Amino acid sequence: MKLTYKVYPFQSSDPKKKSIGDIVILHGLFGSSKNWVTVARFLSEFGQVYAIDQRNHGDSPHSDEHSIPLMADDLETFLNDLKIQNPILLGHSMGGLVAMYFDLMHPGILSRLIIQDIAPRSYPFAYDNEILSMSFPLSGFNTRTEIDTEMAKYVKDTFIRQFLQMSLERKEDGSYHWKLNVEGINHARRVFDDVFSFDRISNTRTLFLLGGNSEFIKESDLSIMDRFFKNNVKVKIEGGGHYIHFTHQKVFLEELGNWLQNEFV
C-alpha cells in the first residue's frame, strides 16, 4: 500500500551541524502524522523527517486488512519508493510494534530504533468504547461540540476524545466524517496478538522511552525488551503515561535529543 506522509526537511540552527540521516515516525492506533508535528519539527534539527499516515489512518488508503506484518510491508514499500537507506525509526504504540517487527524481520536495515511506551509482546484489543464513540451516524450534527457531547457517552476522558477528534474532518458541504477506517480497525481485533511469537534478535541500537505510570508497560516487559533487542537503553519518564510525547513533551524531547546527540557524536 502506498502511504501518505509529511516531510520536514533538515534545518539545523547550527550551520556546522550535519544530518544524522533520515528519520521516520510511525504513529499509534487512531493517530496520524498530525499528532507528531512538534516532535517532527524538533527532530528536523537532526535530519530530514518523514511522518507517515499508516493504513486506515490519516490520508492513507483504507483496507479491510489491518495487521502489524502488513503495516511493516507498507513501511518497506515506503522506504523503497523514496530510496531511504538506513533510517532512524521512531514508533509509538501500534507504530512501535510495527517498527520492532520491521527491524526484527529486516536486520541491518535501520540505523537506530526508538520505541515509545510499548513492548514486543501481545496486547488485547481494549478499545470498545473508542470504537463506539466513532460509530454513531454523524448526519444531523452541526458542530464538533455536539459530536463531542455524544462521544462523551462512551469515552469520559476529554484528552482521549480530543485525540480521536484529530481524525474528524468537515467536508465542503458542512457534514462531518472520520478519516479513520473505524469499521476496518474494529474488524481487526487480533491486530496485536502473537506478533512476536518467533525467536529473532536485533542488534540495532534501540531507545525505549517509557511512561513511568503507563498501563502498557509491566515490569516483566523489561526482560522481554532485552530478549529481542540486545543493544537497548531504557528511559522512564516519571509520572508519564502512554502519550508522553504530548503530556510530558519537554522531558520527552530532552531525553530524545540527548540520546541522539550521544549516539551520533
C-alpha atoms as a PDB file:
ATOM      1  CA  MET A   1       0.000   0.000   0.000  1.00  0.00           C
ATOM      2  CA  LYS A   2       1.227   3.497  -0.884  1.00  0.00           C
ATOM      3  CA  LEU A   3       1.133   5.634   2.254  1.00  0.00           C
ATOM      4  CA  THR A   4       0.741   9.391   2.584  1.00  0.00           C
ATOM      5  CA  TYR A   5       3.325  11.279   4.578  1.00  0.00           C
ATOM      6  CA  LYS A   6       4.601  14.721   5.533  1.00  0.00           C
ATOM      7  CA  VAL A   7       8.231  15.800   5.108  1.00  0.00           C
ATOM      8  CA  TYR A   8      10.153  18.057   7.469  1.00  0.00           C
ATOM      9  CA  PRO A   9      13.465  18.975   5.796  1.00  0.00           C
ATOM     10  CA  PHE A  10      16.685  19.012   7.776  1.00  0.00           C
ATOM     11  CA  GLN A  11      17.004  22.564   9.114  1.00  0.00           C
ATOM     12  CA  SER A  12      19.588  22.823  11.853  1.00  0.00           C
ATOM     13  CA  SER A  13      20.029  26.097  13.704  1.00  0.00           C
ATOM     14  CA  ASP A  14      23.753  25.280  13.699  1.00  0.00           C
ATOM     15  CA  PRO A  15      25.151  25.690  10.152  1.00  0.00           C
ATOM     16  CA  LYS A  16      28.064  23.380  11.021  1.00  0.00           C
ATOM     17  CA  LYS A  17      25.804  20.565  12.134  1.00  0.00           C
ATOM     18  CA  LYS A  18      25.484  17.628   9.738  1.00  0.00           C
ATOM     19  CA  SER A  19      22.415  15.476   9.267  1.00  0.00           C
ATOM     20  CA  ILE A  20      22.414  12.166  11.143  1.00  0.00           C
ATOM     21  CA  GLY A  21      20.194  10.653   8.440  1.00  0.00           C
ATOM     22  CA  ASP A  22      16.532  10.279   7.614  1.00  0.00           C
ATOM     23  CA  ILE A  23      14.066   9.844  10.487  1.00  0.00           C
ATOM     24  CA  VAL A  24      10.692   8.108  10.014  1.00  0.00           C
ATOM     25  CA  ILE A  25       7.832   8.458  12.524  1.00  0.00           C
ATOM     26  CA  LEU A  26       5.084   5.841  12.911  1.00  0.00           C
ATOM     27  CA  HIS A  27       2.030   6.943  14.918  1.00  0.00           C
ATOM     28  CA  GLY A  28      -0.151   4.770  17.140  1.00  0.00           C
ATOM     29  CA  LEU A  29      -3.683   3.377  16.818  1.00  0.00           C
ATOM     30  CA  PHE A  30      -6.304   6.050  15.996  1.00  0.00           C
ATOM     31  CA  GLY A  31      -3.482   8.573  15.422  1.00  0.00           C
ATOM     32  CA  SER A  32      -1.918  10.138  12.351  1.00  0.00           C
ATOM     33  CA  SER A  33       1.015  12.262  11.277  1.00  0.00           C
ATOM     34  CA  LYS A  34      -0.930  15.275  12.623  1.00  0.00           C
ATOM     35  CA  ASN A  35      -0.150  14.135  16.179  1.00  0.00           C
ATOM     36  CA  TRP A  36       3.591  14.422  15.591  1.00  0.00           C
ATOM     37  CA  VAL A  37       4.128  17.914  14.169  1.00  0.00           C
ATOM     38  CA  THR A  38       6.014  19.260  17.201  1.00  0.00           C
ATOM     39  CA  VAL A  39       8.190  16.168  17.548  1.00  0.00           C
ATOM     40  CA  ALA A  40       8.884  16.110  13.799  1.00  0.00           C
ATOM     41  CA  ARG A  41       9.955  19.754  13.805  1.00  0.00           C
ATOM     42  CA  PHE A  42      12.233  19.069  16.768  1.00  0.00           C
ATOM     43  CA  LEU A  43      13.791  16.071  15.041  1.00  0.00           C
ATOM     44  CA  SER A  44      14.349  18.069  11.837  1.00  0.00           C
ATOM     45  CA  GLU A  45      17.243  19.680  13.763  1.00  0.00           C
ATOM     46  CA  PHE A  46      18.946  16.282  13.417  1.00  0.00           C
ATOM     47  CA  GLY A  47      17.884  15.077   9.972  1.00  0.00           C
ATOM     48  CA  GLN A  48      15.107  15.010   7.401  1.00  0.00           C
ATOM     49  CA  VAL A  49      11.903  13.707   8.969  1.00  0.00           C
ATOM     50  CA  TYR A  50       9.059  11.740   7.405  1.00  0.00           C
ATOM     51  CA  ALA A  51       5.819  11.472   9.413  1.00  0.00           C
ATOM     52  CA  ILE A  52       3.722   8.662   7.951  1.00  0.00           C
ATOM     53  CA  ASP A  53      -0.031   8.038   7.959  1.00  0.00           C
ATOM     54  CA  GLN A  54      -0.334   4.272   8.350  1.00  0.00           C
ATOM     55  CA  ARG A  55      -3.016   2.307   6.524  1.00  0.00           C
ATOM     56  CA  ASN A  56      -6.592   3.071   7.664  1.00  0.00           C
ATOM     57  CA  HIS A  57      -5.361   6.287   9.314  1.00  0.00           C
ATOM     58  CA  GLY A  58      -4.971   9.920   8.256  1.00  0.00           C
ATOM     59  CA  ASP A  59      -4.916  10.419   4.499  1.00  0.00           C
ATOM     60  CA  SER A  60      -3.610   6.942   3.663  1.00  0.00           C
ATOM     61  CA  PRO A  61      -5.840   4.418   1.873  1.00  0.00           C
ATOM     62  CA  HIS A  62      -8.344   2.253   3.695  1.00  0.00           C
ATOM     63  CA  SER A  63      -8.236  -1.529   3.648  1.00  0.00           C
ATOM     64  CA  ASP A  64     -10.242  -4.398   5.127  1.00  0.00           C
ATOM     65  CA  GLU A  65      -6.911  -5.893   6.198  1.00  0.00           C
ATOM     66  CA  HIS A  66      -5.114  -4.394   9.165  1.00  0.00           C
ATOM     67  CA  SER A  67      -2.173  -6.161  10.803  1.00  0.00           C
ATOM     68  CA  ILE A  68       1.328  -5.459  12.082  1.00  0.00           C
ATOM     69  CA  PRO A  69       3.008  -7.540   9.311  1.00  0.00           C
ATOM     70  CA  LEU A  70       1.006  -5.718   6.627  1.00  0.00           C
ATOM     71  CA  MET A  71       1.929  -2.328   8.083  1.00  0.00           C
ATOM     72  CA  ALA A  72       5.577  -3.443   8.121  1.00  0.00           C
ATOM     73  CA  ASP A  73       5.195  -4.316   4.424  1.00  0.00           C
ATOM     74  CA  ASP A  74       3.734  -0.848   3.824  1.00  0.00           C
ATOM     75  CA  LEU A  75       6.771   0.638   5.550  1.00  0.00           C
ATOM     76  CA  GLU A  76       9.123  -1.406   3.371  1.00  0.00           C
ATOM     77  CA  THR A  77       7.331  -0.147   0.254  1.00  0.00           C
ATOM     78  CA  PHE A  78       7.599   3.424   1.522  1.00  0.00           C
ATOM     79  CA  LEU A  79      11.349   3.149   2.195  1.00  0.00           C
ATOM     80  CA  ASN A  80      11.983   1.531  -1.189  1.00  0.00           C
ATOM     81  CA  ASP A  81       9.883   4.049  -3.135  1.00  0.00           C
ATOM     82  CA  LEU A  82      11.661   7.016  -1.574  1.00  0.00           C
ATOM     83  CA  LYS A  83      15.034   5.233  -1.645  1.00  0.00           C
ATOM     84  CA  ILE A  84      15.551   5.874   2.066  1.00  0.00           C
ATOM     85  CA  GLN A  85      18.517   3.914   3.368  1.00  0.00           C
ATOM     86  CA  ASN A  86      19.464   3.178   6.985  1.00  0.00           C
ATOM     87  CA  PRO A  87      16.729   5.332   8.529  1.00  0.00           C
ATOM     88  CA  ILE A  88      16.161   6.071  12.185  1.00  0.00           C
ATOM     89  CA  LEU A  89      12.706   4.711  13.012  1.00  0.00           C
ATOM     90  CA  LEU A  90      10.521   6.136  15.796  1.00  0.00           C
ATOM     91  CA  GLY A  91       7.325   4.255  16.632  1.00  0.00           C
ATOM     92  CA  HIS A  92       4.660   4.857  19.257  1.00  0.00           C
ATOM     93  CA  SER A  93       2.273   2.150  20.497  1.00  0.00           C
ATOM     94  CA  MET A  94       0.956   0.372  17.350  1.00  0.00           C
ATOM     95  CA  GLY A  95       3.653   2.200  15.394  1.00  0.00           C
ATOM     96  CA  GLY A  96       6.215   0.887  17.861  1.00  0.00           C
ATOM     97  CA  LEU A  97       5.039  -2.678  17.275  1.00  0.00           C
ATOM     98  CA  VAL A  98       5.354  -2.124  13.522  1.00  0.00           C
ATOM     99  CA  ALA A  99       8.827  -0.633  13.976  1.00  0.00           C
ATOM    100  CA  MET A 100      10.066  -3.514  16.167  1.00  0.00           C
ATOM    101  CA  TYR A 101       8.573  -6.141  13.874  1.00  0.00           C
ATOM    102  CA  PHE A 102      10.137  -4.477  10.823  1.00  0.00           C
ATOM    103  CA  ASP A 103      13.554  -4.346  12.477  1.00  0.00           C
ATOM    104  CA  LEU A 104      13.433  -7.973  13.590  1.00  0.00           C
ATOM    105  CA  MET A 105      12.337  -9.120  10.129  1.00  0.00           C
ATOM    106  CA  HIS A 106      14.797  -6.867   8.252  1.00  0.00           C
ATOM    107  CA  PRO A 107      18.079  -6.999  10.187  1.00  0.00           C
ATOM    108  CA  GLY A 108      20.664  -4.383   9.326  1.00  0.00           C
ATOM    109  CA  ILE A 109      18.260  -2.006   7.549  1.00  0.00           C
ATOM    110  CA  LEU A 110      17.766   0.550  10.334  1.00  0.00           C
ATOM    111  CA  SER A 111      20.377   2.919  11.660  1.00  0.00           C
ATOM    112  CA  ARG A 112      18.649   3.338  15.036  1.00  0.00           C
ATOM    113  CA  LEU A 113      15.324   2.383  16.585  1.00  0.00           C
ATOM    114  CA  ILE A 114      13.256   4.475  19.014  1.00  0.00           C
ATOM    115  CA  ILE A 115      10.218   2.880  20.662  1.00  0.00           C
ATOM    116  CA  GLN A 116       7.705   4.813  22.746  1.00  0.00           C
ATOM    117  CA  ASP A 117       5.846   3.003  25.514  1.00  0.00           C
ATOM    118  CA  ILE A 118       5.218  -0.426  24.040  1.00  0.00           C
ATOM    119  CA  ALA A 119       6.859  -3.845  24.410  1.00  0.00           C
ATOM    120  CA  PRO A 120       7.396  -6.643  21.862  1.00  0.00           C
ATOM    121  CA  ARG A 121       4.518  -8.838  23.064  1.00  0.00           C
ATOM    122  CA  SER A 122       0.797  -9.416  22.543  1.00  0.00           C
ATOM    123  CA  TYR A 123      -1.721  -6.814  23.696  1.00  0.00           C
ATOM    124  CA  PRO A 124      -5.517  -7.090  23.989  1.00  0.00           C
ATOM    125  CA  PHE A 125      -7.746  -5.001  21.742  1.00  0.00           C
ATOM    126  CA  ALA A 126      -9.254  -2.940  24.561  1.00  0.00           C
ATOM    127  CA  TYR A 127     -10.826  -0.164  22.531  1.00  0.00           C
ATOM    128  CA  ASP A 128     -14.543  -0.973  22.500  1.00  0.00           C
ATOM    129  CA  ASN A 129     -15.521   2.423  23.905  1.00  0.00           C
ATOM    130  CA  GLU A 130     -13.326   4.300  21.439  1.00  0.00           C
ATOM    131  CA  ILE A 131     -14.873   2.359  18.551  1.00  0.00           C
ATOM    132  CA  LEU A 132     -18.407   3.046  19.838  1.00  0.00           C
ATOM    133  CA  SER A 133     -17.623   6.750  20.205  1.00  0.00           C
ATOM    134  CA  MET A 134     -16.841   6.908  16.486  1.00  0.00           C
ATOM    135  CA  SER A 135     -19.544   4.547  15.203  1.00  0.00           C
ATOM    136  CA  PHE A 136     -22.752   6.561  15.588  1.00  0.00           C
ATOM    137  CA  PRO A 137     -24.105   8.340  12.469  1.00  0.00           C
ATOM    138  CA  LEU A 138     -22.713  11.852  12.096  1.00  0.00           C
ATOM    139  CA  SER A 139     -25.588  13.143   9.986  1.00  0.00           C
ATOM    140  CA  GLY A 140     -27.582  15.734  11.889  1.00  0.00           C
ATOM    141  CA  PHE A 141     -24.608  17.008  13.897  1.00  0.00           C
ATOM    142  CA  ASN A 142     -23.776  20.612  13.084  1.00  0.00           C
ATOM    143  CA  THR A 143     -20.772  21.270  15.324  1.00  0.00           C
ATOM    144  CA  ARG A 144     -17.801  19.436  16.799  1.00  0.00           C
ATOM    145  CA  THR A 145     -19.156  20.319  20.242  1.00  0.00           C
ATOM    146  CA  GLU A 146     -22.335  18.376  19.528  1.00  0.00           C
ATOM    147  CA  ILE A 147     -20.303  15.388  18.355  1.00  0.00           C
ATOM    148  CA  ASP A 148     -18.053  15.605  21.416  1.00  0.00           C
ATOM    149  CA  THR A 149     -21.101  15.559  23.698  1.00  0.00           C
ATOM    150  CA  GLU A 150     -22.307  12.348  22.044  1.00  0.00           C
ATOM    151  CA  MET A 151     -18.830  10.801  22.167  1.00  0.00           C
ATOM    152  CA  ALA A 152     -18.650  11.548  25.905  1.00  0.00           C
ATOM    153  CA  LYS A 153     -21.369   8.935  26.449  1.00  0.00           C
ATOM    154  CA  TYR A 154     -18.775   6.307  25.524  1.00  0.00           C
ATOM    155  CA  VAL A 155     -15.403   7.920  26.344  1.00  0.00           C
ATOM    156  CA  LYS A 156     -15.298  10.009  29.515  1.00  0.00           C
ATOM    157  CA  ASP A 157     -11.655  11.080  29.159  1.00  0.00           C
ATOM    158  CA  THR A 158     -11.556  14.501  27.479  1.00  0.00           C
ATOM    159  CA  PHE A 159      -7.942  14.029  26.373  1.00  0.00           C
ATOM    160  CA  ILE A 160      -8.752  10.782  24.539  1.00  0.00           C
ATOM    161  CA  ARG A 161     -11.790  12.333  22.854  1.00  0.00           C
ATOM    162  CA  GLN A 162      -9.705  15.284  21.675  1.00  0.00           C
ATOM    163  CA  PHE A 163      -7.070  12.864  20.415  1.00  0.00           C
ATOM    164  CA  LEU A 164      -9.674  10.895  18.452  1.00  0.00           C
ATOM    165  CA  GLN A 165     -11.219  14.078  17.068  1.00  0.00           C
ATOM    166  CA  MET A 166      -7.962  14.971  15.341  1.00  0.00           C
ATOM    167  CA  SER A 167      -9.219  12.463  12.745  1.00  0.00           C
ATOM    168  CA  LEU A 168     -12.649  14.127  12.498  1.00  0.00           C
ATOM    169  CA  GLU A 169     -12.948  16.163   9.310  1.00  0.00           C
ATOM    170  CA  ARG A 170     -15.603  18.510   7.980  1.00  0.00           C
ATOM    171  CA  LYS A 171     -16.452  18.294   4.285  1.00  0.00           C
ATOM    172  CA  GLU A 172     -17.191  21.240   1.996  1.00  0.00           C
ATOM    173  CA  ASP A 173     -20.932  20.595   2.374  1.00  0.00           C
ATOM    174  CA  GLY A 174     -20.627  21.041   6.141  1.00  0.00           C
ATOM    175  CA  SER A 175     -21.038  17.387   7.068  1.00  0.00           C
ATOM    176  CA  TYR A 176     -18.530  15.509   9.216  1.00  0.00           C
ATOM    177  CA  HIS A 177     -16.732  12.214   8.626  1.00  0.00           C
ATOM    178  CA  TRP A 178     -13.969  10.142  10.198  1.00  0.00           C
ATOM    179  CA  LYS A 179     -10.739   9.921   8.241  1.00  0.00           C
ATOM    180  CA  LEU A 180     -10.072   6.726  10.198  1.00  0.00           C
ATOM    181  CA  ASN A 181     -11.377   3.457   8.806  1.00  0.00           C
ATOM    182  CA  VAL A 182     -13.288   2.779  12.016  1.00  0.00           C
ATOM    183  CA  GLU A 183     -15.066  -0.312  10.693  1.00  0.00           C
ATOM    184  CA  GLY A 184     -11.889  -1.826   9.284  1.00  0.00           C
ATOM    185  CA  ILE A 185      -9.984  -1.310  12.530  1.00  0.00           C
ATOM    186  CA  ASN A 186     -12.894  -2.723  14.530  1.00  0.00           C
ATOM    187  CA  HIS A 187     -12.770  -5.925  12.472  1.00  0.00           C
ATOM    188  CA  ALA A 188      -9.017  -6.300  13.120  1.00  0.00           C
ATOM    189  CA  ARG A 189      -9.347  -7.185  16.781  1.00  0.00           C
ATOM    190  CA  ARG A 190      -6.406  -9.580  16.736  1.00  0.00           C
ATOM    191  CA  VAL A 191      -4.030  -6.982  15.340  1.00  0.00           C
ATOM    192  CA  PHE A 192      -1.878  -7.092  18.492  1.00  0.00           C
ATOM    193  CA  ASP A 193      -1.960 -10.881  19.062  1.00  0.00           C
ATOM    194  CA  ASP A 194       1.033 -13.209  18.610  1.00  0.00           C
ATOM    195  CA  VAL A 195       3.044 -10.694  16.579  1.00  0.00           C
ATOM    196  CA  PHE A 196       6.336 -11.652  18.231  1.00  0.00           C
ATOM    197  CA  SER A 197       5.860 -15.410  18.510  1.00  0.00           C
ATOM    198  CA  PHE A 198       9.264 -16.161  16.984  1.00  0.00           C
ATOM    199  CA  ASP A 199      12.895 -16.285  18.031  1.00  0.00           C
ATOM    200  CA  ARG A 200      14.690 -13.373  16.418  1.00  0.00           C
ATOM    201  CA  ILE A 201      17.256 -10.991  17.831  1.00  0.00           C
ATOM    202  CA  SER A 202      18.052  -7.426  16.834  1.00  0.00           C
ATOM    203  CA  ASN A 203      21.407  -5.745  17.311  1.00  0.00           C
ATOM    204  CA  THR A 204      20.050  -2.339  16.273  1.00  0.00           C
ATOM    205  CA  ARG A 205      20.872   0.374  18.779  1.00  0.00           C
ATOM    206  CA  THR A 206      17.490   0.958  20.410  1.00  0.00           C
ATOM    207  CA  LEU A 207      15.973   3.513  22.783  1.00  0.00           C
ATOM    208  CA  PHE A 208      12.846   2.625  24.754  1.00  0.00           C
ATOM    209  CA  LEU A 209      11.111   5.770  26.031  1.00  0.00           C
ATOM    210  CA  LEU A 210       8.614   4.634  28.662  1.00  0.00           C
ATOM    211  CA  GLY A 211       5.925   6.325  30.719  1.00  0.00           C
ATOM    212  CA  GLY A 212       6.566   5.786  34.424  1.00  0.00           C
ATOM    213  CA  ASN A 213       2.832   5.333  35.091  1.00  0.00           C
ATOM    214  CA  SER A 214       1.907   3.679  31.797  1.00  0.00           C
ATOM    215  CA  GLU A 215      -0.600   0.837  31.794  1.00  0.00           C
ATOM    216  CA  PHE A 216       1.090  -0.517  28.672  1.00  0.00           C
ATOM    217  CA  ILE A 217       4.363  -1.450  30.346  1.00  0.00           C
ATOM    218  CA  LYS A 218       4.782  -4.136  33.022  1.00  0.00           C
ATOM    219  CA  GLU A 219       7.946  -4.862  34.963  1.00  0.00           C
ATOM    220  CA  SER A 220       8.207  -8.191  33.116  1.00  0.00           C
ATOM    221  CA  ASP A 221       8.279  -6.310  29.786  1.00  0.00           C
ATOM    222  CA  LEU A 222      11.785  -5.031  30.502  1.00  0.00           C
ATOM    223  CA  SER A 223      13.283  -8.510  30.183  1.00  0.00           C
ATOM    224  CA  ILE A 224      11.245  -9.106  27.011  1.00  0.00           C
ATOM    225  CA  MET A 225      12.784  -5.970  25.506  1.00  0.00           C
ATOM    226  CA  ASP A 226      16.238  -7.273  26.423  1.00  0.00           C
ATOM    227  CA  ARG A 227      15.495 -10.685  24.876  1.00  0.00           C
ATOM    228  CA  PHE A 228      14.646  -9.251  21.448  1.00  0.00           C
ATOM    229  CA  PHE A 229      16.793  -6.110  21.416  1.00  0.00           C
ATOM    230  CA  LYS A 230      20.285  -6.833  22.705  1.00  0.00           C
ATOM    231  CA  ASN A 231      21.607  -3.293  22.322  1.00  0.00           C
ATOM    232  CA  ASN A 232      18.970  -1.162  24.053  1.00  0.00           C
ATOM    233  CA  VAL A 233      18.686   1.717  26.505  1.00  0.00           C
ATOM    234  CA  LYS A 234      15.542   2.309  28.562  1.00  0.00           C
ATOM    235  CA  VAL A 235      14.484   5.742  29.782  1.00  0.00           C
ATOM    236  CA  LYS A 236      11.487   6.052  32.082  1.00  0.00           C
ATOM    237  CA  ILE A 237       9.727   9.411  32.251  1.00  0.00           C
ATOM    238  CA  GLU A 238       8.342   9.684  35.759  1.00  0.00           C
ATOM    239  CA  GLY A 239       4.647  10.460  36.035  1.00  0.00           C
ATOM    240  CA  GLY A 240       4.117   9.870  32.343  1.00  0.00           C
ATOM    241  CA  GLY A 241       1.534   7.645  30.730  1.00  0.00           C
ATOM    242  CA  HIS A 242       1.149   6.328  27.204  1.00  0.00           C
ATOM    243  CA  TYR A 243       1.237   9.717  25.451  1.00  0.00           C
ATOM    244  CA  ILE A 244       4.462  11.162  26.903  1.00  0.00           C
ATOM    245  CA  HIS A 245       5.329  12.837  23.591  1.00  0.00           C
ATOM    246  CA  PHE A 246       2.390  15.155  24.330  1.00  0.00           C
ATOM    247  CA  THR A 247       1.730  15.163  28.088  1.00  0.00           C
ATOM    248  CA  HIS A 248       5.425  15.307  29.063  1.00  0.00           C
ATOM    249  CA  GLN A 249       6.702  16.846  25.856  1.00  0.00           C
ATOM    250  CA  LYS A 250       9.560  18.930  27.297  1.00  0.00           C
ATOM    251  CA  VAL A 251      11.169  15.984  29.098  1.00  0.00           C
ATOM    252  CA  PHE A 252      10.392  13.643  26.203  1.00  0.00           C
ATOM    253  CA  LEU A 253      12.186  15.876  23.690  1.00  0.00           C
ATOM    254  CA  GLU A 254      15.114  16.431  26.054  1.00  0.00           C
ATOM    255  CA  GLU A 255      15.628  12.682  26.516  1.00  0.00           C
ATOM    256  CA  LEU A 256      15.197  12.049  22.804  1.00  0.00           C
ATOM    257  CA  GLY A 257      17.625  14.795  21.837  1.00  0.00           C
ATOM    258  CA  ASN A 258      20.233  13.749  24.411  1.00  0.00           C
ATOM    259  CA  TRP A 259      20.179  10.153  23.191  1.00  0.00           C
ATOM    260  CA  LEU A 260      20.526  11.143  19.550  1.00  0.00           C
ATOM    261  CA  GLN A 261      23.378  13.536  20.318  1.00  0.00           C
ATOM    262  CA  ASN A 262      25.216  10.840  22.259  1.00  0.00           C
ATOM    263  CA  GLU A 263      24.630   8.295  19.516  1.00  0.00           C
ATOM    264  CA  PHE A 264      25.982  10.455  16.722  1.00  0.00           C
ATOM    265  CA  VAL A 265      28.890  12.333  18.317  1.00  0.00           C
END
